[in-house]
PDB file of all heavy atoms in Angstrom:
ATOM      1  N   THR A   1       0.831  -1.209   0.000  1.00  0.00           N
ATOM      2  CA  THR A   1       0.000   0.000   0.000  1.00  0.00           C
ATOM      3  C   THR A   1       0.862   1.254   0.000  1.00  0.00           C
ATOM      4  O   THR A   1       0.590   2.213  -0.734  1.00  0.00           O
ATOM      5  CB  THR A   1      -0.930   0.008   1.228  1.00  0.00           C
ATOM      6  OG1 THR A   1      -1.760  -1.149   1.197  1.00  0.00           O
ATOM      7  CG2 THR A   1      -1.801   1.249   1.222  1.00  0.00           C
ATOM      8  N   GLU A   2       1.913   1.249   0.806  1.00  0.00           N
ATOM      9  CA  GLU A   2       2.820   2.397   0.841  1.00  0.00           C
ATOM     10  C   GLU A   2       3.494   2.595  -0.517  1.00  0.00           C
ATOM     11  O   GLU A   2       3.614   3.726  -1.003  1.00  0.00           O
ATOM     12  CB  GLU A   2       3.883   2.191   1.920  1.00  0.00           C
ATOM     13  CG  GLU A   2       3.358   2.245   3.339  1.00  0.00           C
ATOM     14  CD  GLU A   2       4.441   1.958   4.366  1.00  0.00           C
ATOM     15  OE1 GLU A   2       4.877   0.791   4.461  1.00  0.00           O
ATOM     16  OE2 GLU A   2       4.856   2.898   5.052  1.00  0.00           O
ATOM     17  N   VAL A   3       3.926   1.497  -1.120  1.00  0.00           N
ATOM     18  CA  VAL A   3       4.572   1.599  -2.429  1.00  0.00           C
ATOM     19  C   VAL A   3       3.573   2.089  -3.472  1.00  0.00           C
ATOM     20  O   VAL A   3       3.886   2.944  -4.304  1.00  0.00           O
ATOM     21  CB  VAL A   3       5.174   0.240  -2.850  1.00  0.00           C
ATOM     22  CG1 VAL A   3       5.809   0.351  -4.240  1.00  0.00           C
ATOM     23  CG2 VAL A   3       6.219  -0.222  -1.839  1.00  0.00           C
ATOM     24  N   ARG A   4       2.357   1.552  -3.441  1.00  0.00           N
ATOM     25  CA  ARG A   4       1.343   1.965  -4.414  1.00  0.00           C
ATOM     26  C   ARG A   4       1.044   3.453  -4.302  1.00  0.00           C
ATOM     27  O   ARG A   4       0.889   4.146  -5.323  1.00  0.00           O
ATOM     28  CB  ARG A   4       0.061   1.164  -4.216  1.00  0.00           C
ATOM     29  CG  ARG A   4      -1.034   1.512  -5.240  1.00  0.00           C
ATOM     30  CD  ARG A   4      -2.267   0.662  -5.052  1.00  0.00           C
ATOM     31  NE  ARG A   4      -2.817   0.835  -3.710  1.00  0.00           N
ATOM     32  CZ  ARG A   4      -3.705   0.008  -3.167  1.00  0.00           C
ATOM     33  NH1 ARG A   4      -4.128  -1.050  -3.827  1.00  0.00           N
ATOM     34  NH2 ARG A   4      -4.149   0.227  -1.942  1.00  0.00           N
ATOM     35  N   ASN A   5       0.956   3.985  -3.088  1.00  0.00           N
ATOM     36  CA  ASN A   5       0.708   5.414  -2.918  1.00  0.00           C
ATOM     37  C   ASN A   5       1.820   6.248  -3.543  1.00  0.00           C
ATOM     38  O   ASN A   5       1.565   7.290  -4.156  1.00  0.00           O
ATOM     39  CB  ASN A   5       0.562   5.754  -1.435  1.00  0.00           C
ATOM     40  CG  ASN A   5      -0.756   5.292  -0.846  1.00  0.00           C
ATOM     41  OD1 ASN A   5      -1.711   5.028  -1.590  1.00  0.00           O
ATOM     42  ND2 ASN A   5      -0.824   5.172   0.472  1.00  0.00           N
ATOM     43  N   ARG A   6       3.053   5.785  -3.401  1.00  0.00           N
ATOM     44  CA  ARG A   6       4.175   6.505  -4.021  1.00  0.00           C
ATOM     45  C   ARG A   6       4.098   6.414  -5.546  1.00  0.00           C
ATOM     46  O   ARG A   6       4.336   7.408  -6.241  1.00  0.00           O
ATOM     47  CB  ARG A   6       5.504   5.938  -3.522  1.00  0.00           C
ATOM     48  CG  ARG A   6       5.788   6.223  -2.061  1.00  0.00           C
ATOM     49  CD  ARG A   6       7.217   5.861  -1.681  1.00  0.00           C
ATOM     50  NE  ARG A   6       7.505   6.174  -0.293  1.00  0.00           N
ATOM     51  CZ  ARG A   6       8.724   6.232   0.229  1.00  0.00           C
ATOM     52  NH1 ARG A   6       9.780   5.980  -0.543  1.00  0.00           N
ATOM     53  NH2 ARG A   6       8.914   6.535   1.497  1.00  0.00           N
ATOM     54  N   VAL A   7       3.765   5.235  -6.037  1.00  0.00           N
ATOM     55  CA  VAL A   7       3.656   5.056  -7.490  1.00  0.00           C
ATOM     56  C   VAL A   7       2.530   5.930  -8.045  1.00  0.00           C
ATOM     57  O   VAL A   7       2.702   6.604  -9.079  1.00  0.00           O
ATOM     58  CB  VAL A   7       3.419   3.570  -7.839  1.00  0.00           C
ATOM     59  CG1 VAL A   7       3.068   3.410  -9.314  1.00  0.00           C
ATOM     60  CG2 VAL A   7       4.656   2.743  -7.507  1.00  0.00           C
ATOM     61  N   PHE A   8       1.388   5.942  -7.389  1.00  0.00           N
ATOM     62  CA  PHE A   8       0.263   6.779  -7.830  1.00  0.00           C
ATOM     63  C   PHE A   8       0.639   8.262  -7.795  1.00  0.00           C
ATOM     64  O   PHE A   8       0.231   9.036  -8.658  1.00  0.00           O
ATOM     65  CB  PHE A   8      -0.964   6.533  -6.950  1.00  0.00           C
ATOM     66  CG  PHE A   8      -1.808   5.371  -7.389  1.00  0.00           C
ATOM     67  CD1 PHE A   8      -1.358   4.479  -8.359  1.00  0.00           C
ATOM     68  CD2 PHE A   8      -3.064   5.144  -6.835  1.00  0.00           C
ATOM     69  CE1 PHE A   8      -2.137   3.405  -8.771  1.00  0.00           C
ATOM     70  CE2 PHE A   8      -3.854   4.080  -7.244  1.00  0.00           C
ATOM     71  CZ  PHE A   8      -3.381   3.198  -8.209  1.00  0.00           C
ATOM     72  N   THR A   9       1.427   8.656  -6.788  1.00  0.00           N
ATOM     73  CA  THR A   9       1.866  10.047  -6.695  1.00  0.00           C
ATOM     74  C   THR A   9       2.716  10.424  -7.910  1.00  0.00           C
ATOM     75  O   THR A   9       2.520  11.476  -8.524  1.00  0.00           O
ATOM     76  CB  THR A   9       2.685  10.271  -5.407  1.00  0.00           C
ATOM     77  OG1 THR A   9       1.878   9.957  -4.272  1.00  0.00           O
ATOM     78  CG2 THR A   9       3.140  11.715  -5.303  1.00  0.00           C
ATOM     79  N   ILE A  10       3.647   9.542  -8.271  1.00  0.00           N
ATOM     80  CA  ILE A  10       4.520   9.808  -9.422  1.00  0.00           C
ATOM     81  C   ILE A  10       3.728   9.762 -10.718  1.00  0.00           C
ATOM     82  O   ILE A  10       3.885  10.626 -11.592  1.00  0.00           O
ATOM     83  CB  ILE A  10       5.680   8.794  -9.448  1.00  0.00           C
ATOM     84  CG1 ILE A  10       6.539   8.930  -8.192  1.00  0.00           C
ATOM     85  CG2 ILE A  10       6.542   8.990 -10.696  1.00  0.00           C
ATOM     86  CD1 ILE A  10       7.547   7.816  -7.997  1.00  0.00           C
ATOM     87  N   MET A  11       2.846   8.778 -10.856  1.00  0.00           N
ATOM     88  CA  MET A  11       2.018   8.681 -12.059  1.00  0.00           C
ATOM     89  C   MET A  11       1.091   9.885 -12.212  1.00  0.00           C
ATOM     90  O   MET A  11       0.807  10.329 -13.326  1.00  0.00           O
ATOM     91  CB  MET A  11       1.178   7.399 -12.014  1.00  0.00           C
ATOM     92  CG  MET A  11       1.924   6.114 -12.261  1.00  0.00           C
ATOM     93  SD  MET A  11       0.778   4.695 -12.186  1.00  0.00           S
ATOM     94  CE  MET A  11       1.851   3.357 -12.716  1.00  0.00           C
ATOM     95  N   GLY A  12       0.611  10.407 -11.058  1.00  0.00           N
ATOM     96  CA  GLY A  12      -0.344  11.519 -11.101  1.00  0.00           C
ATOM     97  C   GLY A  12       0.245  12.825 -11.582  1.00  0.00           C
ATOM     98  O   GLY A  12      -0.496  13.724 -11.999  1.00  0.00           O
ATOM     99  N   GLU A  13       1.575  12.951 -11.518  1.00  0.00           N
ATOM    100  CA  GLU A  13       2.269  14.145 -12.020  1.00  0.00           C
ATOM    101  C   GLU A  13       1.659  15.440 -11.477  1.00  0.00           C
ATOM    102  O   GLU A  13       1.354  16.380 -12.215  1.00  0.00           O
ATOM    103  CB  GLU A  13       2.266  14.161 -13.550  1.00  0.00           C
ATOM    104  CG  GLU A  13       2.996  12.978 -14.165  1.00  0.00           C
ATOM    105  CD  GLU A  13       2.984  12.995 -15.686  1.00  0.00           C
ATOM    106  OE1 GLU A  13       2.040  13.581 -16.262  1.00  0.00           O
ATOM    107  OE2 GLU A  13       3.917  12.433 -16.291  1.00  0.00           O
ATOM    108  N   GLY A  14       1.467  15.487 -10.149  1.00  0.00           N
ATOM    109  CA  GLY A  14       0.967  16.690  -9.510  1.00  0.00           C
ATOM    110  C   GLY A  14      -0.535  16.739  -9.325  1.00  0.00           C
ATOM    111  O   GLY A  14      -1.066  17.693  -8.744  1.00  0.00           O
ATOM    112  N   LEU A  15      -1.250  15.724  -9.810  1.00  0.00           N
ATOM    113  CA  LEU A  15      -2.704  15.717  -9.681  1.00  0.00           C
ATOM    114  C   LEU A  15      -3.133  15.657  -8.215  1.00  0.00           C
ATOM    115  O   LEU A  15      -4.145  16.232  -7.814  1.00  0.00           O
ATOM    116  CB  LEU A  15      -3.292  14.529 -10.448  1.00  0.00           C
ATOM    117  CG  LEU A  15      -4.817  14.369 -10.415  1.00  0.00           C
ATOM    118  CD1 LEU A  15      -5.487  15.581 -11.068  1.00  0.00           C
ATOM    119  CD2 LEU A  15      -5.248  13.089 -11.136  1.00  0.00           C
ATOM    120  N   TRP A  16      -2.338  14.948  -7.411  1.00  0.00           N
ATOM    121  CA  TRP A  16      -2.600  14.865  -5.979  1.00  0.00           C
ATOM    122  C   TRP A  16      -1.264  14.725  -5.250  1.00  0.00           C
ATOM    123  O   TRP A  16      -0.237  14.435  -5.847  1.00  0.00           O
ATOM    124  CB  TRP A  16      -3.499  13.683  -5.645  1.00  0.00           C
ATOM    125  CG  TRP A  16      -3.159  12.439  -6.432  1.00  0.00           C
ATOM    126  CD1 TRP A  16      -1.945  11.856  -6.577  1.00  0.00           C
ATOM    127  CD2 TRP A  16      -4.069  11.669  -7.211  1.00  0.00           C
ATOM    128  NE1 TRP A  16      -2.027  10.757  -7.381  1.00  0.00           N
ATOM    129  CE2 TRP A  16      -3.325  10.616  -7.788  1.00  0.00           C
ATOM    130  CE3 TRP A  16      -5.438  11.744  -7.472  1.00  0.00           C
ATOM    131  CZ2 TRP A  16      -3.898   9.662  -8.607  1.00  0.00           C
ATOM    132  CZ3 TRP A  16      -6.006  10.804  -8.283  1.00  0.00           C
ATOM    133  CH2 TRP A  16      -5.247   9.772  -8.843  1.00  0.00           C
ATOM    134  N   SER A  17      -1.288  14.955  -3.968  1.00  0.00           N
ATOM    135  CA  SER A  17      -0.057  14.860  -3.184  1.00  0.00           C
ATOM    136  C   SER A  17       0.033  13.487  -2.531  1.00  0.00           C
ATOM    137  O   SER A  17      -0.973  12.800  -2.324  1.00  0.00           O
ATOM    138  CB  SER A  17      -0.034  15.939  -2.091  1.00  0.00           C
ATOM    139  OG  SER A  17      -1.026  15.670  -1.099  1.00  0.00           O
ATOM    140  N   HIS A  18       1.248  13.109  -2.190  1.00  0.00           N
ATOM    141  CA  HIS A  18       1.465  11.845  -1.502  1.00  0.00           C
ATOM    142  C   HIS A  18       0.799  11.875  -0.132  1.00  0.00           C
ATOM    143  O   HIS A  18       0.247  10.862   0.333  1.00  0.00           O
ATOM    144  CB  HIS A  18       2.970  11.579  -1.366  1.00  0.00           C
ATOM    145  CG  HIS A  18       3.291  10.319  -0.639  1.00  0.00           C
ATOM    146  ND1 HIS A  18       3.794  10.296   0.645  1.00  0.00           N
ATOM    147  CD2 HIS A  18       3.145   9.016  -0.999  1.00  0.00           C
ATOM    148  CE1 HIS A  18       3.970   9.046   1.036  1.00  0.00           C
ATOM    149  NE2 HIS A  18       3.594   8.245   0.064  1.00  0.00           N
ATOM    150  N   ARG A  19       0.808  13.028   0.504  1.00  0.00           N
ATOM    151  CA  ARG A  19       0.183  13.160   1.814  1.00  0.00           C
ATOM    152  C   ARG A  19      -1.307  12.861   1.741  1.00  0.00           C
ATOM    153  O   ARG A  19      -1.852  12.121   2.568  1.00  0.00           O
ATOM    154  CB  ARG A  19       0.424  14.570   2.362  1.00  0.00           C
ATOM    155  CG  ARG A  19      -0.244  14.837   3.716  1.00  0.00           C
ATOM    156  CD  ARG A  19      -0.044  16.274   4.133  1.00  0.00           C
ATOM    157  NE  ARG A  19      -0.571  17.196   3.134  1.00  0.00           N
ATOM    158  CZ  ARG A  19      -1.860  17.493   3.012  1.00  0.00           C
ATOM    159  NH1 ARG A  19      -2.758  16.926   3.805  1.00  0.00           N
ATOM    160  NH2 ARG A  19      -2.266  18.350   2.090  1.00  0.00           N
ATOM    161  N   LYS A  20      -1.974  13.420   0.729  1.00  0.00           N
ATOM    162  CA  LYS A  20      -3.419  13.195   0.600  1.00  0.00           C
ATOM    163  C   LYS A  20      -3.727  11.733   0.273  1.00  0.00           C
ATOM    164  O   LYS A  20      -4.699  11.165   0.780  1.00  0.00           O
ATOM    165  CB  LYS A  20      -3.995  14.116  -0.462  1.00  0.00           C
ATOM    166  CG  LYS A  20      -4.094  15.572  -0.029  1.00  0.00           C
ATOM    167  CD  LYS A  20      -4.824  16.416  -1.066  1.00  0.00           C
ATOM    168  CE  LYS A  20      -5.007  17.842  -0.576  1.00  0.00           C
ATOM    169  NZ  LYS A  20      -5.764  18.676  -1.553  1.00  0.00           N
ATOM    170  N   LEU A  21      -2.914  11.130  -0.575  1.00  0.00           N
ATOM    171  CA  LEU A  21      -3.118   9.718  -0.886  1.00  0.00           C
ATOM    172  C   LEU A  21      -2.962   8.858   0.362  1.00  0.00           C
ATOM    173  O   LEU A  21      -3.766   7.950   0.626  1.00  0.00           O
ATOM    174  CB  LEU A  21      -2.127   9.266  -1.957  1.00  0.00           C
ATOM    175  CG  LEU A  21      -2.467   9.566  -3.416  1.00  0.00           C
ATOM    176  CD1 LEU A  21      -1.282   9.226  -4.301  1.00  0.00           C
ATOM    177  CD2 LEU A  21      -3.697   8.784  -3.866  1.00  0.00           C
ATOM    178  N   SER A  22      -1.924   9.145   1.140  1.00  0.00           N
ATOM    179  CA  SER A  22      -1.655   8.348   2.345  1.00  0.00           C
ATOM    180  C   SER A  22      -2.740   8.516   3.388  1.00  0.00           C
ATOM    181  O   SER A  22      -3.037   7.585   4.147  1.00  0.00           O
ATOM    182  CB  SER A  22      -0.291   8.743   2.931  1.00  0.00           C
ATOM    183  OG  SER A  22       0.748   8.502   2.000  1.00  0.00           O
ATOM    184  N   ASN A  23      -3.345   9.704   3.432  1.00  0.00           N
ATOM    185  CA  ASN A  23      -4.392   9.974   4.414  1.00  0.00           C
ATOM    186  C   ASN A  23      -5.787   9.649   3.902  1.00  0.00           C
ATOM    187  O   ASN A  23      -6.780   9.861   4.611  1.00  0.00           O
ATOM    188  CB  ASN A  23      -4.340  11.445   4.843  1.00  0.00           C
ATOM    189  CG  ASN A  23      -3.082  11.779   5.617  1.00  0.00           C
ATOM    190  OD1 ASN A  23      -2.462  10.898   6.225  1.00  0.00           O
ATOM    191  ND2 ASN A  23      -2.681  13.044   5.609  1.00  0.00           N
ATOM    192  N   GLY A  24      -5.882   9.158   2.672  1.00  0.00           N
ATOM    193  CA  GLY A  24      -7.185   8.814   2.121  1.00  0.00           C
ATOM    194  C   GLY A  24      -8.034  10.014   1.768  1.00  0.00           C
ATOM    195  O   GLY A  24      -9.271   9.917   1.738  1.00  0.00           O
ATOM    196  N   GLU A  25      -7.398  11.153   1.486  1.00  0.00           N
ATOM    197  CA  GLU A  25      -8.133  12.386   1.207  1.00  0.00           C
ATOM    198  C   GLU A  25      -8.373  12.563  -0.299  1.00  0.00           C
ATOM    199  O   GLU A  25      -8.316  13.673  -0.827  1.00  0.00           O
ATOM    200  CB  GLU A  25      -7.361  13.588   1.765  1.00  0.00           C
ATOM    201  CG  GLU A  25      -7.153  13.529   3.278  1.00  0.00           C
ATOM    202  CD  GLU A  25      -6.265  14.645   3.789  1.00  0.00           C
ATOM    203  OE1 GLU A  25      -5.951  15.565   2.997  1.00  0.00           O
ATOM    204  OE2 GLU A  25      -5.879  14.606   4.970  1.00  0.00           O
ATOM    205  N   ILE A  26      -8.643  11.486  -0.980  1.00  0.00           N
ATOM    206  CA  ILE A  26      -8.877  11.517  -2.420  1.00  0.00           C
ATOM    207  C   ILE A  26     -10.305  11.052  -2.695  1.00  0.00           C
ATOM    208  O   ILE A  26     -10.752  10.031  -2.158  1.00  0.00           O
ATOM    209  CB  ILE A  26      -7.880  10.600  -3.168  1.00  0.00           C
ATOM    210  CG1 ILE A  26      -6.444  11.020  -2.861  1.00  0.00           C
ATOM    211  CG2 ILE A  26      -8.139  10.626  -4.665  1.00  0.00           C
ATOM    212  CD1 ILE A  26      -6.084  12.396  -3.349  1.00  0.00           C
ATOM    213  N   GLU A  27     -11.023  11.815  -3.511  1.00  0.00           N
ATOM    214  CA  GLU A  27     -12.376  11.417  -3.878  1.00  0.00           C
ATOM    215  C   GLU A  27     -12.337  10.158  -4.745  1.00  0.00           C
ATOM    216  O   GLU A  27     -11.543  10.071  -5.689  1.00  0.00           O
ATOM    217  CB  GLU A  27     -13.077  12.547  -4.632  1.00  0.00           C
ATOM    218  CG  GLU A  27     -13.333  13.794  -3.803  1.00  0.00           C
ATOM    219  CD  GLU A  27     -14.349  13.542  -2.701  1.00  0.00           C
ATOM    220  OE1 GLU A  27     -15.188  12.622  -2.873  1.00  0.00           O
ATOM    221  OE2 GLU A  27     -14.308  14.252  -1.680  1.00  0.00           O
ATOM    222  N   VAL A  28     -13.181   9.189  -4.424  1.00  0.00           N
ATOM    223  CA  VAL A  28     -13.197   7.927  -5.153  1.00  0.00           C
ATOM    224  C   VAL A  28     -13.506   8.155  -6.632  1.00  0.00           C
ATOM    225  O   VAL A  28     -12.891   7.524  -7.509  1.00  0.00           O
ATOM    226  CB  VAL A  28     -14.226   6.956  -4.539  1.00  0.00           C
ATOM    227  CG1 VAL A  28     -14.353   5.698  -5.395  1.00  0.00           C
ATOM    228  CG2 VAL A  28     -13.831   6.584  -3.115  1.00  0.00           C
ATOM    229  N   GLU A  29     -14.424   9.064  -6.931  1.00  0.00           N
ATOM    230  CA  GLU A  29     -14.784   9.325  -8.325  1.00  0.00           C
ATOM    231  C   GLU A  29     -13.608   9.915  -9.096  1.00  0.00           C
ATOM    232  O   GLU A  29     -13.411   9.603 -10.273  1.00  0.00           O
ATOM    233  CB  GLU A  29     -15.993  10.262  -8.394  1.00  0.00           C
ATOM    234  CG  GLU A  29     -17.301   9.619  -7.966  1.00  0.00           C
ATOM    235  CD  GLU A  29     -17.607   8.356  -8.768  1.00  0.00           C
ATOM    236  OE1 GLU A  29     -17.424   8.381 -10.010  1.00  0.00           O
ATOM    237  OE2 GLU A  29     -18.027   7.353  -8.157  1.00  0.00           O
ATOM    238  N   THR A  30     -12.826  10.761  -8.421  1.00  0.00           N
ATOM    239  CA  THR A  30     -11.630  11.332  -9.056  1.00  0.00           C
ATOM    240  C   THR A  30     -10.638  10.231  -9.399  1.00  0.00           C
ATOM    241  O   THR A  30     -10.050  10.210 -10.491  1.00  0.00           O
ATOM    242  CB  THR A  30     -10.958  12.351  -8.120  1.00  0.00           C
ATOM    243  OG1 THR A  30     -11.881  13.394  -7.809  1.00  0.00           O
ATOM    244  CG2 THR A  30      -9.715  12.956  -8.776  1.00  0.00           C
ATOM    245  N   LEU A  31     -10.467   9.287  -8.460  1.00  0.00           N
ATOM    246  CA  LEU A  31      -9.557   8.163  -8.685  1.00  0.00           C
ATOM    247  C   LEU A  31     -10.055   7.290  -9.837  1.00  0.00           C
ATOM    248  O   LEU A  31      -9.260   6.854 -10.686  1.00  0.00           O
ATOM    249  CB  LEU A  31      -9.432   7.336  -7.409  1.00  0.00           C
ATOM    250  CG  LEU A  31      -8.462   6.145  -7.455  1.00  0.00           C
ATOM    251  CD1 LEU A  31      -7.044   6.622  -7.711  1.00  0.00           C
ATOM    252  CD2 LEU A  31      -8.530   5.356  -6.147  1.00  0.00           C
ATOM    253  N   LYS A  32     -11.362   7.049  -9.895  1.00  0.00           N
ATOM    254  CA  LYS A  32     -11.924   6.221 -10.965  1.00  0.00           C
ATOM    255  C   LYS A  32     -11.716   6.870 -12.326  1.00  0.00           C
ATOM    256  O   LYS A  32     -11.342   6.200 -13.302  1.00  0.00           O
ATOM    257  CB  LYS A  32     -13.413   5.986 -10.717  1.00  0.00           C
ATOM    258  CG  LYS A  32     -13.722   5.013  -9.594  1.00  0.00           C
ATOM    259  CD  LYS A  32     -15.230   4.816  -9.454  1.00  0.00           C
ATOM    260  CE  LYS A  32     -15.575   3.811  -8.375  1.00  0.00           C
ATOM    261  NZ  LYS A  32     -17.051   3.648  -8.239  1.00  0.00           N
ATOM    262  N   MET A  33     -11.958   8.175 -12.421  1.00  0.00           N
ATOM    263  CA  MET A  33     -11.795   8.888 -13.690  1.00  0.00           C
ATOM    264  C   MET A  33     -10.338   8.876 -14.135  1.00  0.00           C
ATOM    265  O   MET A  33     -10.028   8.647 -15.310  1.00  0.00           O
ATOM    266  CB  MET A  33     -12.301  10.330 -13.549  1.00  0.00           C
ATOM    267  CG  MET A  33     -13.815  10.444 -13.384  1.00  0.00           C
ATOM    268  SD  MET A  33     -14.352  12.137 -13.051  1.00  0.00           S
ATOM    269  CE  MET A  33     -13.764  12.964 -14.532  1.00  0.00           C
ATOM    270  N   TRP A  34      -9.438   9.097 -13.169  1.00  0.00           N
ATOM    271  CA  TRP A  34      -8.005   9.082 -13.497  1.00  0.00           C
ATOM    272  C   TRP A  34      -7.569   7.687 -13.944  1.00  0.00           C
ATOM    273  O   TRP A  34      -6.821   7.541 -14.905  1.00  0.00           O
ATOM    274  CB  TRP A  34      -7.204   9.525 -12.272  1.00  0.00           C
ATOM    275  CG  TRP A  34      -5.717   9.394 -12.454  1.00  0.00           C
ATOM    276  CD1 TRP A  34      -4.895  10.221 -13.158  1.00  0.00           C
ATOM    277  CD2 TRP A  34      -4.883   8.350 -11.923  1.00  0.00           C
ATOM    278  NE1 TRP A  34      -3.604   9.765 -13.092  1.00  0.00           N
ATOM    279  CE2 TRP A  34      -3.558   8.626 -12.346  1.00  0.00           C
ATOM    280  CE3 TRP A  34      -5.121   7.237 -11.130  1.00  0.00           C
ATOM    281  CZ2 TRP A  34      -2.493   7.811 -11.995  1.00  0.00           C
ATOM    282  CZ3 TRP A  34      -4.055   6.420 -10.790  1.00  0.00           C
ATOM    283  CH2 TRP A  34      -2.762   6.706 -11.224  1.00  0.00           C
ATOM    284  N   HIS A  35      -8.052   6.671 -13.258  1.00  0.00           N
ATOM    285  CA  HIS A  35      -7.701   5.288 -13.598  1.00  0.00           C
ATOM    286  C   HIS A  35      -8.176   4.944 -15.010  1.00  0.00           C
ATOM    287  O   HIS A  35      -7.438   4.355 -15.806  1.00  0.00           O
ATOM    288  CB  HIS A  35      -8.320   4.334 -12.577  1.00  0.00           C
ATOM    289  CG  HIS A  35      -7.939   2.905 -12.777  1.00  0.00           C
ATOM    290  ND1 HIS A  35      -8.555   2.082 -13.701  1.00  0.00           N
ATOM    291  CD2 HIS A  35      -6.992   2.138 -12.173  1.00  0.00           C
ATOM    292  CE1 HIS A  35      -8.020   0.886 -13.656  1.00  0.00           C
ATOM    293  NE2 HIS A  35      -7.068   0.880 -12.742  1.00  0.00           N
ATOM    294  N   ALA A  36      -9.405   5.324 -15.335  1.00  0.00           N
ATOM    295  CA  ALA A  36      -9.956   5.011 -16.658  1.00  0.00           C
ATOM    296  C   ALA A  36      -9.167   5.715 -17.765  1.00  0.00           C
ATOM    297  O   ALA A  36      -8.980   5.163 -18.851  1.00  0.00           O
ATOM    298  CB  ALA A  36     -11.424   5.425 -16.720  1.00  0.00           C
ATOM    299  N   LYS A  37      -8.675   6.918 -17.469  1.00  0.00           N
ATOM    300  CA  LYS A  37      -7.984   7.699 -18.481  1.00  0.00           C
ATOM    301  C   LYS A  37      -6.524   7.317 -18.643  1.00  0.00           C
ATOM    302  O   LYS A  37      -5.994   7.293 -19.761  1.00  0.00           O
ATOM    303  CB  LYS A  37      -8.087   9.183 -18.141  1.00  0.00           C
ATOM    304  CG  LYS A  37      -7.461  10.102 -19.189  1.00  0.00           C
ATOM    305  CD  LYS A  37      -7.667  11.568 -18.829  1.00  0.00           C
ATOM    306  CE  LYS A  37      -7.042  12.482 -19.887  1.00  0.00           C
ATOM    307  NZ  LYS A  37      -7.232  13.927 -19.543  1.00  0.00           N
ATOM    308  N   HIS A  38      -5.868   6.976 -17.533  1.00  0.00           N
ATOM    309  CA  HIS A  38      -4.413   6.807 -17.571  1.00  0.00           C
ATOM    310  C   HIS A  38      -3.920   5.380 -17.343  1.00  0.00           C
ATOM    311  O   HIS A  38      -2.773   5.068 -17.697  1.00  0.00           O
ATOM    312  CB  HIS A  38      -3.754   7.724 -16.530  1.00  0.00           C
ATOM    313  CG  HIS A  38      -3.972   9.179 -16.775  1.00  0.00           C
ATOM    314  ND1 HIS A  38      -3.296   9.890 -17.747  1.00  0.00           N
ATOM    315  CD2 HIS A  38      -4.826  10.057 -16.190  1.00  0.00           C
ATOM    316  CE1 HIS A  38      -3.692  11.151 -17.740  1.00  0.00           C
ATOM    317  NE2 HIS A  38      -4.622  11.291 -16.802  1.00  0.00           N
ATOM    318  N   LEU A  39      -4.725   4.506 -16.747  1.00  0.00           N
ATOM    319  CA  LEU A  39      -4.230   3.174 -16.405  1.00  0.00           C
ATOM    320  C   LEU A  39      -4.856   2.047 -17.218  1.00  0.00           C
ATOM    321  O   LEU A  39      -4.192   1.029 -17.463  1.00  0.00           O
ATOM    322  CB  LEU A  39      -4.447   2.884 -14.910  1.00  0.00           C
ATOM    323  CG  LEU A  39      -3.274   3.264 -13.993  1.00  0.00           C
ATOM    324  CD1 LEU A  39      -3.034   4.758 -14.021  1.00  0.00           C
ATOM    325  CD2 LEU A  39      -3.542   2.808 -12.560  1.00  0.00           C
ATOM    326  N   GLN A  40      -6.087   2.195 -17.628  1.00  0.00           N
ATOM    327  CA  GLN A  40      -6.733   1.118 -18.376  1.00  0.00           C
ATOM    328  C   GLN A  40      -6.041   0.898 -19.717  1.00  0.00           C
ATOM    329  O   GLN A  40      -5.742   1.846 -20.442  1.00  0.00           O
ATOM    330  CB  GLN A  40      -8.210   1.442 -18.598  1.00  0.00           C
ATOM    331  CG  GLN A  40      -9.072   1.215 -17.368  1.00  0.00           C
ATOM    332  CD  GLN A  40     -10.554   1.356 -17.648  1.00  0.00           C
ATOM    333  OE1 GLN A  40     -10.951   1.696 -18.764  1.00  0.00           O
ATOM    334  NE2 GLN A  40     -11.377   1.086 -16.645  1.00  0.00           N
ATOM    335  N   GLY A  41      -5.791  -0.374 -20.013  1.00  0.00           N
ATOM    336  CA  GLY A  41      -5.144  -0.711 -21.267  1.00  0.00           C
ATOM    337  C   GLY A  41      -3.641  -0.558 -21.252  1.00  0.00           C
ATOM    338  O   GLY A  41      -2.965  -0.793 -22.263  1.00  0.00           O
TER     339      GLY A  41
END
């Protein structure tokens, strides 16, 4: 989980901070939209 948060932070390129990811301060819908756009496929 710690590694994934760091990877998501780097992949996000400033979209969110590592602190917010670690604290769960990310909207689920925002994560879903980002995942569909940048990770699927």
